Amino acid sequence: PGFDETTYAPEGQFNLRSVHDLVSEFKLQRASTLALVNGIPPHAWPRLGTANGFRTSARALVYIILGHTAHHCRLLRERYRLPATR
């Protein structure tokens, strides 16, 4: 099921953590996601299931994950004026 990010995020107390720790955690999460994606066999990509009440495929979920990362990067640039990276 989904969740309300406005309730969930403050509990992480990310403002009390160093930028270095947050970047390190992001890199580990990205590596973990890539390992998961790379382990999905070709025949599983089109399989359907239900996520948050919607029918979706493994392929669509990976697309959503990638888009969510891009969304957070955009927020960092807009809200905190962090420079764009390549």
PDB file of N, CA and C in Angstrom:
ATOM      1  N   PRO A   1       0.827  -1.214   0.000  1.00  0.00           N
ATOM      2  CA  PRO A   1       0.000   0.000   0.000  1.00  0.00           C
ATOM      3  C   PRO A   1       0.858   1.260   0.000  1.00  0.00           C
ATOM      4  N   GLY A   2       0.293   2.327  -0.465  1.00  0.00           N
ATOM      5  CA  GLY A   2       0.984   3.612  -0.463  1.00  0.00           C
ATOM      6  C   GLY A   2       1.065   4.195   0.944  1.00  0.00           C
ATOM      7  N   PHE A   3       1.686   5.339   1.044  1.00  0.00           N
ATOM      8  CA  PHE A   3       1.787   6.006   2.337  1.00  0.00           C
ATOM      9  C   PHE A   3       1.813   7.501   2.113  1.00  0.00           C
ATOM     10  N   ASP A   4       1.568   8.235   3.172  1.00  0.00           N
ATOM     11  CA  ASP A   4       1.566   9.691   3.118  1.00  0.00           C
ATOM     12  C   ASP A   4       2.982  10.183   3.419  1.00  0.00           C
ATOM     13  N   GLU A   5       3.668  10.677   2.389  1.00  0.00           N
ATOM     14  CA  GLU A   5       5.062  11.101   2.581  1.00  0.00           C
ATOM     15  C   GLU A   5       5.199  12.247   3.575  1.00  0.00           C
ATOM     16  N   THR A   6       4.176  13.081   3.711  1.00  0.00           N
ATOM     17  CA  THR A   6       4.266  14.217   4.637  1.00  0.00           C
ATOM     18  C   THR A   6       4.259  13.742   6.090  1.00  0.00           C
ATOM     19  N   THR A   7       3.739  12.555   6.340  1.00  0.00           N
ATOM     20  CA  THR A   7       3.774  11.966   7.680  1.00  0.00           C
ATOM     21  C   THR A   7       5.022  11.105   7.844  1.00  0.00           C
ATOM     22  N   TYR A   8       5.380  10.386   6.810  1.00  0.00           N
ATOM     23  CA  TYR A   8       6.485   9.431   6.841  1.00  0.00           C
ATOM     24  C   TYR A   8       7.856  10.113   6.899  1.00  0.00           C
ATOM     25  N   ALA A   9       8.114  11.046   6.017  1.00  0.00           N
ATOM     26  CA  ALA A   9       9.453  11.631   5.860  1.00  0.00           C
ATOM     27  C   ALA A   9       9.995  12.306   7.119  1.00  0.00           C
ATOM     28  N   PRO A  10       9.197  13.102   7.843  1.00  0.00           N
ATOM     29  CA  PRO A  10       9.760  13.752   9.031  1.00  0.00           C
ATOM     30  C   PRO A  10      10.291  12.765  10.072  1.00  0.00           C
ATOM     31  N   GLU A  11       9.719  11.584  10.126  1.00  0.00           N
ATOM     32  CA  GLU A  11      10.167  10.590  11.102  1.00  0.00           C
ATOM     33  C   GLU A  11      11.578  10.089  10.811  1.00  0.00           C
ATOM     34  N   GLY A  12      12.043  10.276   9.594  1.00  0.00           N
ATOM     35  CA  GLY A  12      13.404   9.884   9.243  1.00  0.00           C
ATOM     36  C   GLY A  12      14.458  10.812   9.820  1.00  0.00           C
ATOM     37  N   GLN A  13      14.047  11.976  10.252  1.00  0.00           N
ATOM     38  CA  GLN A  13      14.946  12.989  10.837  1.00  0.00           C
ATOM     39  C   GLN A  13      16.199  13.194   9.983  1.00  0.00           C
ATOM     40  N   PHE A  14      15.964  13.309   8.671  1.00  0.00           N
ATOM     41  CA  PHE A  14      17.075  13.466   7.737  1.00  0.00           C
ATOM     42  C   PHE A  14      17.842  14.763   7.972  1.00  0.00           C
ATOM     43  N   ASN A  15      17.178  15.754   8.543  1.00  0.00           N
ATOM     44  CA  ASN A  15      17.843  17.026   8.827  1.00  0.00           C
ATOM     45  C   ASN A  15      18.902  16.893   9.921  1.00  0.00           C
ATOM     46  N   LEU A  16      18.903  15.802  10.661  1.00  0.00           N
ATOM     47  CA  LEU A  16      19.898  15.586  11.714  1.00  0.00           C
ATOM     48  C   LEU A  16      21.103  14.791  11.208  1.00  0.00           C
ATOM     49  N   ARG A  17      21.055  14.371   9.962  1.00  0.00           N
ATOM     50  CA  ARG A  17      22.130  13.560   9.405  1.00  0.00           C
ATOM     51  C   ARG A  17      22.999  14.401   8.491  1.00  0.00           C
ATOM     52  N   SER A  18      24.243  13.999   8.363  1.00  0.00           N
ATOM     53  CA  SER A  18      25.163  14.760   7.511  1.00  0.00           C
ATOM     54  C   SER A  18      24.872  14.500   6.039  1.00  0.00           C
ATOM     55  N   VAL A  19      25.225  15.457   5.215  1.00  0.00           N
ATOM     56  CA  VAL A  19      25.057  15.298   3.770  1.00  0.00           C
ATOM     57  C   VAL A  19      25.888  14.103   3.302  1.00  0.00           C
ATOM     58  N   HIS A  20      27.073  13.955   3.857  1.00  0.00           N
ATOM     59  CA  HIS A  20      27.941  12.827   3.500  1.00  0.00           C
ATOM     60  C   HIS A  20      27.221  11.496   3.758  1.00  0.00           C
ATOM     61  N   ASP A  21      26.590  11.362   4.918  1.00  0.00           N
ATOM     62  CA  ASP A  21      25.871  10.124   5.236  1.00  0.00           C
ATOM     63  C   ASP A  21      24.687   9.907   4.304  1.00  0.00           C
ATOM     64  N   LEU A  22      23.969  10.967   3.978  1.00  0.00           N
ATOM     65  CA  LEU A  22      22.823  10.849   3.075  1.00  0.00           C
ATOM     66  C   LEU A  22      23.259  10.436   1.668  1.00  0.00           C
ATOM     67  N   VAL A  23      24.356  11.025   1.187  1.00  0.00           N
ATOM     68  CA  VAL A  23      24.877  10.667  -0.138  1.00  0.00           C
ATOM     69  C   VAL A  23      25.358   9.214  -0.134  1.00  0.00           C
ATOM     70  N   SER A  24      26.031   8.814   0.931  1.00  0.00           N
ATOM     71  CA  SER A  24      26.503   7.435   1.048  1.00  0.00           C
ATOM     72  C   SER A  24      25.327   6.460   1.024  1.00  0.00           C
ATOM     73  N   GLU A  25      24.270   6.789   1.761  1.00  0.00           N
ATOM     74  CA  GLU A  25      23.087   5.934   1.777  1.00  0.00           C
ATOM     75  C   GLU A  25      22.433   5.881   0.404  1.00  0.00           C
ATOM     76  N   PHE A  26      22.371   7.011  -0.284  1.00  0.00           N
ATOM     77  CA  PHE A  26      21.782   7.046  -1.631  1.00  0.00           C
ATOM     78  C   PHE A  26      22.575   6.144  -2.574  1.00  0.00           C
ATOM     79  N   LYS A  27      23.902   6.202  -2.513  1.00  0.00           N
ATOM     80  CA  LYS A  27      24.732   5.372  -3.385  1.00  0.00           C
ATOM     81  C   LYS A  27      24.507   3.884  -3.113  1.00  0.00           C
ATOM     82  N   LEU A  28      24.395   3.530  -1.826  1.00  0.00           N
ATOM     83  CA  LEU A  28      24.138   2.132  -1.477  1.00  0.00           C
ATOM     84  C   LEU A  28      22.763   1.686  -1.968  1.00  0.00           C
ATOM     85  N   GLN A  29      21.778   2.555  -1.814  1.00  0.00           N
ATOM     86  CA  GLN A  29      20.428   2.230  -2.281  1.00  0.00           C
ATOM     87  C   GLN A  29      20.405   2.054  -3.799  1.00  0.00           C
ATOM     88  N   ARG A  30      21.121   2.924  -4.494  1.00  0.00           N
ATOM     89  CA  ARG A  30      21.185   2.829  -5.962  1.00  0.00           C
ATOM     90  C   ARG A  30      21.855   1.514  -6.376  1.00  0.00           C
ATOM     91  N   ALA A  31      22.947   1.160  -5.713  1.00  0.00           N
ATOM     92  CA  ALA A  31      23.639  -0.093  -6.034  1.00  0.00           C
ATOM     93  C   ALA A  31      22.725  -1.288  -5.771  1.00  0.00           C
ATOM     94  N   SER A  32      21.971  -1.230  -4.687  1.00  0.00           N
ATOM     95  CA  SER A  32      21.037  -2.305  -4.361  1.00  0.00           C
ATOM     96  C   SER A  32      19.931  -2.411  -5.409  1.00  0.00           C
ATOM     97  N   THR A  33      19.404  -1.282  -5.835  1.00  0.00           N
ATOM     98  CA  THR A  33      18.358  -1.278  -6.857  1.00  0.00           C
ATOM     99  C   THR A  33      18.885  -1.829  -8.175  1.00  0.00           C
ATOM    100  N   LEU A  34      20.098  -1.424  -8.564  1.00  0.00           N
ATOM    101  CA  LEU A  34      20.691  -1.935  -9.804  1.00  0.00           C
ATOM    102  C   LEU A  34      20.910  -3.445  -9.731  1.00  0.00           C
ATOM    103  N   ALA A  35      21.345  -3.937  -8.572  1.00  0.00           N
ATOM    104  CA  ALA A  35      21.535  -5.377  -8.406  1.00  0.00           C
ATOM    105  C   ALA A  35      20.201  -6.106  -8.546  1.00  0.00           C
ATOM    106  N   LEU A  36      19.150  -5.552  -7.956  1.00  0.00           N
ATOM    107  CA  LEU A  36      17.824  -6.147  -8.073  1.00  0.00           C
ATOM    108  C   LEU A  36      17.372  -6.178  -9.532  1.00  0.00           C
ATOM    109  N   VAL A  37      17.483  -5.043 -10.207  1.00  0.00           N
ATOM    110  CA  VAL A  37      17.039  -4.941 -11.604  1.00  0.00           C
ATOM    111  C   VAL A  37      17.849  -5.881 -12.498  1.00  0.00           C
ATOM    112  N   ASN A  38      19.149  -5.925 -12.299  1.00  0.00           N
ATOM    113  CA  ASN A  38      19.998  -6.788 -13.117  1.00  0.00           C
ATOM    114  C   ASN A  38      19.708  -8.270 -12.892  1.00  0.00           C
ATOM    115  N   GLY A  39      19.100  -8.598 -11.763  1.00  0.00           N
ATOM    116  CA  GLY A  39      18.777  -9.987 -11.459  1.00  0.00           C
ATOM    117  C   GLY A  39      17.414 -10.437 -11.963  1.00  0.00           C
ATOM    118  N   ILE A  40      16.644  -9.536 -12.538  1.00  0.00           N
ATOM    119  CA  ILE A  40      15.324  -9.909 -13.051  1.00  0.00           C
ATOM    120  C   ILE A  40      15.509 -10.628 -14.391  1.00  0.00           C
ATOM    121  N   PRO A  41      15.056 -11.864 -14.490  1.00  0.00           N
ATOM    122  CA  PRO A  41      15.230 -12.589 -15.748  1.00  0.00           C
ATOM    123  C   PRO A  41      14.340 -12.006 -16.853  1.00  0.00           C
ATOM    124  N   PRO A  42      14.760 -12.106 -18.096  1.00  0.00           N
ATOM    125  CA  PRO A  42      14.010 -11.505 -19.208  1.00  0.00           C
ATOM    126  C   PRO A  42      12.530 -11.882 -19.246  1.00  0.00           C
ATOM    127  N   HIS A  43      12.212 -13.126 -18.929  1.00  0.00           N
ATOM    128  CA  HIS A  43      10.814 -13.557 -19.014  1.00  0.00           C
ATOM    129  C   HIS A  43       9.935 -12.941 -17.920  1.00  0.00           C
ATOM    130  N   ALA A  44      10.536 -12.361 -16.886  1.00  0.00           N
ATOM    131  CA  ALA A  44       9.756 -11.800 -15.781  1.00  0.00           C
ATOM    132  C   ALA A  44       9.349 -10.345 -16.008  1.00  0.00           C
ATOM    133  N   TRP A  45      10.014  -9.649 -16.905  1.00  0.00           N
ATOM    134  CA  TRP A  45       9.741  -8.222 -17.099  1.00  0.00           C
ATOM    135  C   TRP A  45       8.274  -7.905 -17.399  1.00  0.00           C
ATOM    136  N   PRO A  46       7.595  -8.659 -18.242  1.00  0.00           N
ATOM    137  CA  PRO A  46       6.198  -8.305 -18.540  1.00  0.00           C
ATOM    138  C   PRO A  46       5.173  -8.850 -17.535  1.00  0.00           C
ATOM    139  N   ARG A  47       5.599  -9.612 -16.551  1.00  0.00           N
ATOM    140  CA  ARG A  47       4.650 -10.178 -15.587  1.00  0.00           C
ATOM    141  C   ARG A  47       3.875  -9.076 -14.885  1.00  0.00           C
ATOM    142  N   LEU A  48       2.617  -9.395 -14.598  1.00  0.00           N
ATOM    143  CA  LEU A  48       1.742  -8.417 -13.951  1.00  0.00           C
ATOM    144  C   LEU A  48       1.470  -8.782 -12.501  1.00  0.00           C
ATOM    145  N   GLY A  49       1.280  -7.765 -11.697  1.00  0.00           N
ATOM    146  CA  GLY A  49       0.906  -7.924 -10.301  1.00  0.00           C
ATOM    147  C   GLY A  49       0.176  -6.667  -9.862  1.00  0.00           C
ATOM    148  N   THR A  50      -0.137  -6.588  -8.593  1.00  0.00           N
ATOM    149  CA  THR A  50      -0.843  -5.425  -8.066  1.00  0.00           C
ATOM    150  C   THR A  50       0.057  -4.699  -7.079  1.00  0.00           C
ATOM    151  N   ALA A  51       0.190  -3.386  -7.278  1.00  0.00           N
ATOM    152  CA  ALA A  51       0.972  -2.547  -6.376  1.00  0.00           C
ATOM    153  C   ALA A  51       0.135  -1.312  -6.043  1.00  0.00           C
ATOM    154  N   ASN A  52      -0.118  -1.118  -4.778  1.00  0.00           N
ATOM    155  CA  ASN A  52      -0.902   0.032  -4.321  1.00  0.00           C
ATOM    156  C   ASN A  52      -2.275   0.088  -5.007  1.00  0.00           C
ATOM    157  N   GLY A  53      -2.850  -1.098  -5.235  1.00  0.00           N
ATOM    158  CA  GLY A  53      -4.178  -1.173  -5.823  1.00  0.00           C
ATOM    159  C   GLY A  53      -4.227  -1.082  -7.336  1.00  0.00           C
ATOM    160  N   PHE A  54      -3.077  -1.017  -8.003  1.00  0.00           N
ATOM    161  CA  PHE A  54      -3.035  -0.887  -9.463  1.00  0.00           C
ATOM    162  C   PHE A  54      -2.309  -2.070 -10.076  1.00  0.00           C
ATOM    163  N   ARG A  55      -2.827  -2.562 -11.212  1.00  0.00           N
ATOM    164  CA  ARG A  55      -2.130  -3.617 -11.958  1.00  0.00           C
ATOM    165  C   ARG A  55      -0.906  -2.998 -12.619  1.00  0.00           C
ATOM    166  N   THR A  56       0.213  -3.676 -12.504  1.00  0.00           N
ATOM    167  CA  THR A  56       1.447  -3.143 -13.075  1.00  0.00           C
ATOM    168  C   THR A  56       2.402  -4.290 -13.383  1.00  0.00           C
ATOM    169  N   SER A  57       3.414  -3.998 -14.164  1.00  0.00           N
ATOM    170  CA  SER A  57       4.418  -5.007 -14.525  1.00  0.00           C
ATOM    171  C   SER A  57       5.739  -4.693 -13.821  1.00  0.00           C
ATOM    172  N   ALA A  58       6.620  -5.683 -13.836  1.00  0.00           N
ATOM    173  CA  ALA A  58       7.968  -5.467 -13.287  1.00  0.00           C
ATOM    174  C   ALA A  58       8.655  -4.334 -14.048  1.00  0.00           C
ATOM    175  N   ARG A  59       8.493  -4.310 -15.351  1.00  0.00           N
ATOM    176  CA  ARG A  59       9.087  -3.263 -16.185  1.00  0.00           C
ATOM    177  C   ARG A  59       8.585  -1.882 -15.764  1.00  0.00           C
ATOM    178  N   ALA A  60       7.278  -1.767 -15.537  1.00  0.00           N
ATOM    179  CA  ALA A  60       6.697  -0.474 -15.137  1.00  0.00           C
ATOM    180  C   ALA A  60       7.214  -0.037 -13.767  1.00  0.00           C
ATOM    181  N   LEU A  61       7.370  -0.975 -12.848  1.00  0.00           N
ATOM    182  CA  LEU A  61       7.868  -0.615 -11.515  1.00  0.00           C
ATOM    183  C   LEU A  61       9.293  -0.078 -11.579  1.00  0.00           C
ATOM    184  N   VAL A  62      10.131  -0.673 -12.421  1.00  0.00           N
ATOM    185  CA  VAL A  62      11.499  -0.164 -12.572  1.00  0.00           C
ATOM    186  C   VAL A  62      11.459   1.242 -13.166  1.00  0.00           C
ATOM    187  N   TYR A  63      10.599   1.470 -14.125  1.00  0.00           N
ATOM    188  CA  TYR A  63      10.443   2.799 -14.721  1.00  0.00           C
ATOM    189  C   TYR A  63      10.016   3.805 -13.642  1.00  0.00           C
ATOM    190  N   ILE A  64       9.105   3.403 -12.778  1.00  0.00           N
ATOM    191  CA  ILE A  64       8.643   4.270 -11.680  1.00  0.00           C
ATOM    192  C   ILE A  64       9.792   4.573 -10.718  1.00  0.00           C
ATOM    193  N   ILE A  65      10.575   3.563 -10.382  1.00  0.00           N
ATOM    194  CA  ILE A  65      11.715   3.770  -9.476  1.00  0.00           C
ATOM    195  C   ILE A  65      12.686   4.790 -10.079  1.00  0.00           C
ATOM    196  N   LEU A  66      12.998   4.634 -11.354  1.00  0.00           N
ATOM    197  CA  LEU A  66      13.919   5.564 -12.017  1.00  0.00           C
ATOM    198  C   LEU A  66      13.342   6.977 -12.050  1.00  0.00           C
ATOM    199  N   GLY A  67      12.060   7.084 -12.329  1.00  0.00           N
ATOM    200  CA  GLY A  67      11.408   8.388 -12.340  1.00  0.00           C
ATOM    201  C   GLY A  67      11.377   9.022 -10.967  1.00  0.00           C
ATOM    202  N   HIS A  68      11.231   8.200  -9.944  1.00  0.00           N
ATOM    203  CA  HIS A  68      11.197   8.723  -8.574  1.00  0.00           C
ATOM    204  C   HIS A  68      12.563   9.298  -8.189  1.00  0.00           C
ATOM    205  N   THR A  69      13.619   8.628  -8.620  1.00  0.00           N
ATOM    206  CA  THR A  69      14.966   9.139  -8.372  1.00  0.00           C
ATOM    207  C   THR A  69      15.156  10.482  -9.067  1.00  0.00           C
ATOM    208  N   ALA A  70      14.726  10.560 -10.322  1.00  0.00           N
ATOM    209  CA  ALA A  70      14.829  11.825 -11.070  1.00  0.00           C
ATOM    210  C   ALA A  70      14.027  12.923 -10.383  1.00  0.00           C
ATOM    211  N   HIS A  71      12.865  12.573  -9.851  1.00  0.00           N
ATOM    212  CA  HIS A  71      12.022  13.527  -9.121  1.00  0.00           C
ATOM    213  C   HIS A  71      12.779  14.096  -7.916  1.00  0.00           C
ATOM    214  N   HIS A  72      13.425  13.226  -7.141  1.00  0.00           N
ATOM    215  CA  HIS A  72      14.166  13.691  -5.967  1.00  0.00           C
ATOM    216  C   HIS A  72      15.364  14.551  -6.363  1.00  0.00           C
ATOM    217  N   CYS A  73      16.049  14.194  -7.432  1.00  0.00           N
ATOM    218  CA  CYS A  73      17.180  15.008  -7.904  1.00  0.00           C
ATOM    219  C   CYS A  73      16.703  16.397  -8.316  1.00  0.00           C
ATOM    220  N   ARG A  74      15.555  16.452  -9.001  1.00  0.00           N
ATOM    221  CA  ARG A  74      14.992  17.741  -9.393  1.00  0.00           C
ATOM    222  C   ARG A  74      14.630  18.581  -8.168  1.00  0.00           C
ATOM    223  N   LEU A  75      14.046  17.959  -7.143  1.00  0.00           N
ATOM    224  CA  LEU A  75      13.707  18.682  -5.917  1.00  0.00           C
ATOM    225  C   LEU A  75      14.958  19.234  -5.229  1.00  0.00           C
ATOM    226  N   LEU A  76      16.027  18.462  -5.229  1.00  0.00           N
ATOM    227  CA  LEU A  76      17.276  18.932  -4.620  1.00  0.00           C
ATOM    228  C   LEU A  76      17.808  20.165  -5.347  1.00  0.00           C
ATOM    229  N   ARG A  77      17.693  20.159  -6.678  1.00  0.00           N
ATOM    230  CA  ARG A  77      18.147  21.322  -7.445  1.00  0.00           C
ATOM    231  C   ARG A  77      17.235  22.520  -7.223  1.00  0.00           C
ATOM    232  N   GLU A  78      15.923  22.293  -7.208  1.00  0.00           N
ATOM    233  CA  GLU A  78      14.973  23.400  -7.075  1.00  0.00           C
ATOM    234  C   GLU A  78      14.930  23.968  -5.665  1.00  0.00           C
ATOM    235  N   ARG A  79      14.834  23.108  -4.666  1.00  0.00           N
ATOM    236  CA  ARG A  79      14.649  23.575  -3.288  1.00  0.00           C
ATOM    237  C   ARG A  79      15.939  23.982  -2.599  1.00  0.00           C
ATOM    238  N   TYR A  80      17.017  23.273  -2.936  1.00  0.00           N
ATOM    239  CA  TYR A  80      18.281  23.508  -2.218  1.00  0.00           C
ATOM    240  C   TYR A  80      19.368  24.060  -3.129  1.00  0.00           C
ATOM    241  N   ARG A  81      19.001  24.340  -4.382  1.00  0.00           N
ATOM    242  CA  ARG A  81      19.904  24.914  -5.353  1.00  0.00           C
ATOM    243  C   ARG A  81      21.194  24.112  -5.555  1.00  0.00           C
ATOM    244  N   LEU A  82      21.060  22.804  -5.457  1.00  0.00           N
ATOM    245  CA  LEU A  82      22.220  21.965  -5.718  1.00  0.00           C
ATOM    246  C   LEU A  82      22.452  21.929  -7.219  1.00  0.00           C
ATOM    247  N   PRO A  83      23.697  21.916  -7.646  1.00  0.00           N
ATOM    248  CA  PRO A  83      23.981  21.943  -9.089  1.00  0.00           C
ATOM    249  C   PRO A  83      23.572  20.629  -9.756  1.00  0.00           C
ATOM    250  N   ALA A  84      23.214  20.736 -11.008  1.00  0.00           N
ATOM    251  CA  ALA A  84      22.889  19.561 -11.800  1.00  0.00           C
ATOM    252  C   ALA A  84      24.175  18.785 -12.056  1.00  0.00           C
ATOM    253  N   THR A  85      24.089  17.466 -12.048  1.00  0.00           N
ATOM    254  CA  THR A  85      25.251  16.638 -12.357  1.00  0.00           C
ATOM    255  C   THR A  85      24.945  15.816 -13.593  1.00  0.00           C
ATOM    256  N   ARG A  86      25.978  15.304 -14.174  1.00  0.00           N
ATOM    257  CA  ARG A  86      25.803  14.483 -15.379  1.00  0.00           C
ATOM    258  C   ARG A  86      25.747  13.037 -15.036  1.00  0.00           C
TER     259      ARG A  86
END
